[in-house]
Amino acid sequence: MASPTPLQGLELIDCAKANAAQGIETAAHLCGYGTDLNTFKRELKQACQDIGVKIEELSDLITDQQTVREVGGIEVAPDTPADL
């Protein structure tokens, strides 16, 4: 669900990170910026700078863990519960 008002600070970062894989248009819309991509990018960069994180683009927020979950990886587990 899209935010009715533009998010700021940590809420903006959290929302942008959660939706980064869907693209900048979707992330901007869901974070309350509609089609104003320039303001979204500017506010997101500022919010990240405020917490000491430097980003150049939205995809910088996608972590390796998110990539593995989406793409899939290998599962490491014992053959049976008795082998724990």
N, C-alpha and C. Protein backbone atom coordinates (compact mmCIF):
# COMPACT_ATOMS: atom_id res chain seq x y z
N MET A 1 0.85 -1.18 0.00
CA MET A 1 0.00 0.00 0.00
C MET A 1 0.89 1.24 0.00
N ALA A 2 0.58 2.17 -0.86
CA ALA A 2 1.37 3.39 -0.97
C ALA A 2 1.11 4.32 0.20
N SER A 3 2.16 5.00 0.62
CA SER A 3 2.04 5.97 1.70
C SER A 3 1.25 7.18 1.19
N PRO A 4 0.32 7.71 1.99
CA PRO A 4 -0.46 8.87 1.56
C PRO A 4 0.38 10.16 1.53
N THR A 5 1.47 10.19 2.29
CA THR A 5 2.36 11.35 2.29
C THR A 5 3.79 10.86 2.07
N PRO A 6 4.65 11.69 1.50
CA PRO A 6 6.03 11.27 1.26
C PRO A 6 6.75 10.91 2.57
N LEU A 7 7.34 9.74 2.58
CA LEU A 7 8.08 9.30 3.76
C LEU A 7 9.40 10.03 3.87
N GLN A 8 9.93 10.09 5.07
CA GLN A 8 11.20 10.77 5.34
C GLN A 8 12.07 9.88 6.23
N GLY A 9 13.34 10.17 6.27
CA GLY A 9 14.26 9.52 7.20
C GLY A 9 14.30 8.00 7.09
N LEU A 10 14.31 7.34 8.25
CA LEU A 10 14.43 5.89 8.30
C LEU A 10 13.24 5.19 7.66
N GLU A 11 12.06 5.76 7.78
CA GLU A 11 10.88 5.16 7.14
C GLU A 11 11.05 5.14 5.63
N LEU A 12 11.60 6.20 5.06
CA LEU A 12 11.85 6.27 3.63
C LEU A 12 12.87 5.21 3.23
N ILE A 13 13.95 5.10 3.98
CA ILE A 13 14.99 4.12 3.67
C ILE A 13 14.42 2.70 3.73
N ASP A 14 13.67 2.40 4.78
CA ASP A 14 13.08 1.07 4.93
C ASP A 14 12.14 0.74 3.77
N CYS A 15 11.29 1.68 3.42
CA CYS A 15 10.35 1.46 2.32
C CYS A 15 11.08 1.29 1.00
N ALA A 16 12.05 2.15 0.74
CA ALA A 16 12.81 2.09 -0.51
C ALA A 16 13.57 0.77 -0.61
N LYS A 17 14.18 0.35 0.49
CA LYS A 17 14.94 -0.91 0.49
C LYS A 17 14.02 -2.09 0.23
N ALA A 18 12.85 -2.09 0.86
CA ALA A 18 11.91 -3.20 0.70
C ALA A 18 11.39 -3.30 -0.73
N ASN A 19 11.37 -2.19 -1.45
CA ASN A 19 10.80 -2.17 -2.79
C ASN A 19 11.83 -1.92 -3.89
N ALA A 20 13.10 -1.89 -3.55
CA ALA A 20 14.16 -1.56 -4.51
C ALA A 20 14.20 -2.52 -5.69
N ALA A 21 13.97 -3.80 -5.44
CA ALA A 21 14.05 -4.79 -6.51
C ALA A 21 12.94 -4.61 -7.55
N GLN A 22 11.88 -3.92 -7.19
CA GLN A 22 10.76 -3.71 -8.11
C GLN A 22 10.98 -2.50 -9.03
N GLY A 23 12.03 -1.74 -8.78
CA GLY A 23 12.33 -0.59 -9.63
C GLY A 23 12.03 0.73 -8.96
N ILE A 24 12.63 1.78 -9.49
CA ILE A 24 12.53 3.09 -8.88
C ILE A 24 11.12 3.67 -8.96
N GLU A 25 10.41 3.40 -10.06
CA GLU A 25 9.06 3.94 -10.20
C GLU A 25 8.13 3.38 -9.12
N THR A 26 8.21 2.07 -8.92
CA THR A 26 7.37 1.42 -7.90
C THR A 26 7.77 1.88 -6.51
N ALA A 27 9.07 1.92 -6.24
CA ALA A 27 9.54 2.33 -4.92
C ALA A 27 9.11 3.77 -4.62
N ALA A 28 9.26 4.66 -5.58
CA ALA A 28 8.86 6.06 -5.38
C ALA A 28 7.37 6.15 -5.09
N HIS A 29 6.58 5.43 -5.85
CA HIS A 29 5.12 5.45 -5.65
C HIS A 29 4.75 4.95 -4.25
N LEU A 30 5.32 3.80 -3.86
CA LEU A 30 4.98 3.21 -2.56
C LEU A 30 5.49 4.03 -1.38
N CYS A 31 6.54 4.80 -1.60
CA CYS A 31 7.09 5.65 -0.54
C CYS A 31 6.39 7.01 -0.47
N GLY A 32 5.38 7.22 -1.32
CA GLY A 32 4.58 8.43 -1.24
C GLY A 32 5.00 9.55 -2.17
N TYR A 33 5.89 9.27 -3.13
CA TYR A 33 6.38 10.32 -4.02
C TYR A 33 5.72 10.30 -5.39
N GLY A 34 4.81 9.36 -5.61
CA GLY A 34 4.12 9.30 -6.89
C GLY A 34 5.08 9.15 -8.05
N THR A 35 5.00 10.07 -9.01
CA THR A 35 5.88 10.02 -10.18
C THR A 35 7.05 11.01 -10.08
N ASP A 36 7.21 11.65 -8.94
CA ASP A 36 8.29 12.63 -8.74
C ASP A 36 9.58 11.92 -8.37
N LEU A 37 10.21 11.32 -9.38
CA LEU A 37 11.42 10.52 -9.14
C LEU A 37 12.61 11.36 -8.67
N ASN A 38 12.71 12.58 -9.15
CA ASN A 38 13.84 13.42 -8.75
C ASN A 38 13.80 13.74 -7.26
N THR A 39 12.63 14.10 -6.75
CA THR A 39 12.50 14.38 -5.32
C THR A 39 12.73 13.11 -4.51
N PHE A 40 12.20 12.00 -4.98
CA PHE A 40 12.40 10.72 -4.29
C PHE A 40 13.88 10.40 -4.17
N LYS A 41 14.62 10.49 -5.28
CA LYS A 41 16.07 10.20 -5.25
C LYS A 41 16.80 11.16 -4.32
N ARG A 42 16.47 12.45 -4.40
CA ARG A 42 17.14 13.45 -3.56
C ARG A 42 16.87 13.19 -2.08
N GLU A 43 15.63 12.95 -1.72
CA GLU A 43 15.28 12.71 -0.32
C GLU A 43 15.88 11.39 0.19
N LEU A 44 15.92 10.38 -0.66
CA LEU A 44 16.51 9.10 -0.26
C LEU A 44 18.01 9.24 -0.03
N LYS A 45 18.70 9.93 -0.92
CA LYS A 45 20.13 10.15 -0.72
C LYS A 45 20.40 10.93 0.55
N GLN A 46 19.57 11.95 0.82
CA GLN A 46 19.75 12.75 2.02
C GLN A 46 19.50 11.92 3.27
N ALA A 47 18.45 11.10 3.25
CA ALA A 47 18.14 10.25 4.40
C ALA A 47 19.28 9.28 4.67
N CYS A 48 19.85 8.73 3.61
CA CYS A 48 20.98 7.81 3.78
C CYS A 48 22.22 8.54 4.30
N GLN A 49 22.48 9.73 3.79
CA GLN A 49 23.61 10.52 4.28
C GLN A 49 23.45 10.84 5.76
N ASP A 50 22.23 11.10 6.18
CA ASP A 50 21.97 11.43 7.58
C ASP A 50 22.35 10.30 8.53
N ILE A 51 22.31 9.05 8.05
CA ILE A 51 22.70 7.92 8.89
C ILE A 51 24.09 7.40 8.54
N GLY A 52 24.79 8.11 7.66
CA GLY A 52 26.17 7.76 7.33
C GLY A 52 26.33 6.71 6.25
N VAL A 53 25.32 6.56 5.40
CA VAL A 53 25.37 5.59 4.31
C VAL A 53 25.36 6.36 3.00
N LYS A 54 26.30 6.02 2.11
CA LYS A 54 26.35 6.70 0.83
C LYS A 54 25.80 5.77 -0.25
N ILE A 55 24.81 6.26 -0.98
CA ILE A 55 24.26 5.50 -2.10
C ILE A 55 24.32 6.36 -3.35
N GLU A 56 24.44 5.70 -4.48
CA GLU A 56 24.43 6.41 -5.76
C GLU A 56 23.11 6.17 -6.49
N GLU A 57 22.54 4.98 -6.27
CA GLU A 57 21.28 4.64 -6.91
C GLU A 57 20.49 3.70 -6.02
N LEU A 58 19.24 3.52 -6.33
CA LEU A 58 18.34 2.71 -5.51
C LEU A 58 18.86 1.28 -5.34
N SER A 59 19.44 0.72 -6.36
CA SER A 59 19.91 -0.67 -6.28
C SER A 59 21.02 -0.86 -5.25
N ASP A 60 21.65 0.22 -4.80
CA ASP A 60 22.66 0.11 -3.74
C ASP A 60 22.05 -0.37 -2.43
N LEU A 61 20.74 -0.27 -2.29
CA LEU A 61 20.07 -0.71 -1.07
C LEU A 61 19.75 -2.20 -1.07
N ILE A 62 19.88 -2.85 -2.22
CA ILE A 62 19.59 -4.29 -2.31
C ILE A 62 20.77 -5.06 -1.74
N THR A 63 20.51 -5.84 -0.70
CA THR A 63 21.58 -6.61 -0.05
C THR A 63 21.77 -7.96 -0.73
N ASP A 64 22.89 -8.59 -0.43
CA ASP A 64 23.16 -9.92 -0.97
C ASP A 64 22.12 -10.92 -0.50
N GLN A 65 21.65 -10.77 0.73
CA GLN A 65 20.63 -11.68 1.26
C GLN A 65 19.34 -11.59 0.47
N GLN A 66 18.95 -10.39 0.09
CA GLN A 66 17.74 -10.23 -0.71
C GLN A 66 17.91 -10.89 -2.08
N THR A 67 19.09 -10.76 -2.66
CA THR A 67 19.36 -11.34 -3.96
C THR A 67 19.30 -12.86 -3.90
N VAL A 68 19.88 -13.45 -2.87
CA VAL A 68 19.87 -14.90 -2.74
C VAL A 68 18.45 -15.42 -2.57
N ARG A 69 17.64 -14.73 -1.77
CA ARG A 69 16.25 -15.15 -1.56
C ARG A 69 15.46 -15.13 -2.85
N GLU A 70 15.68 -14.12 -3.68
CA GLU A 70 14.92 -13.99 -4.91
C GLU A 70 15.41 -14.95 -5.98
N VAL A 71 16.72 -15.06 -6.12
CA VAL A 71 17.30 -15.89 -7.16
C VAL A 71 17.32 -17.35 -6.74
N GLY A 72 17.48 -17.56 -5.48
CA GLY A 72 17.58 -18.93 -4.97
C GLY A 72 19.03 -19.25 -4.68
N GLY A 73 19.23 -20.14 -3.81
CA GLY A 73 20.58 -20.53 -3.45
C GLY A 73 20.57 -22.00 -3.09
N ILE A 74 21.60 -22.42 -2.44
CA ILE A 74 21.65 -23.81 -2.03
C ILE A 74 21.27 -23.91 -0.57
N GLU A 75 20.59 -24.97 -0.22
CA GLU A 75 20.18 -25.18 1.16
C GLU A 75 21.13 -26.18 1.78
N VAL A 76 21.68 -25.84 2.93
CA VAL A 76 22.58 -26.72 3.64
C VAL A 76 21.83 -27.23 4.88
N ALA A 77 21.58 -28.54 4.90
CA ALA A 77 20.85 -29.13 6.02
C ALA A 77 21.23 -30.61 6.12
N PRO A 78 21.06 -31.19 7.30
CA PRO A 78 21.33 -32.63 7.44
C PRO A 78 20.30 -33.46 6.68
N ASP A 79 20.68 -34.70 6.39
CA ASP A 79 19.77 -35.59 5.66
C ASP A 79 18.52 -35.93 6.46
N THR A 80 18.69 -36.12 7.77
CA THR A 80 17.57 -36.46 8.64
C THR A 80 17.69 -35.67 9.94
N PRO A 81 16.58 -35.52 10.68
CA PRO A 81 16.65 -34.83 11.96
C PRO A 81 17.62 -35.51 12.95
N ALA A 82 17.82 -36.81 12.82
CA ALA A 82 18.73 -37.53 13.71
C ALA A 82 20.18 -37.16 13.46
N ASP A 83 20.48 -36.62 12.28
CA ASP A 83 21.86 -36.25 11.93
C ASP A 83 22.26 -34.88 12.42
N LEU A 84 21.39 -34.22 13.16
CA LEU A 84 21.69 -32.90 13.67
C LEU A 84 22.89 -32.98 14.58
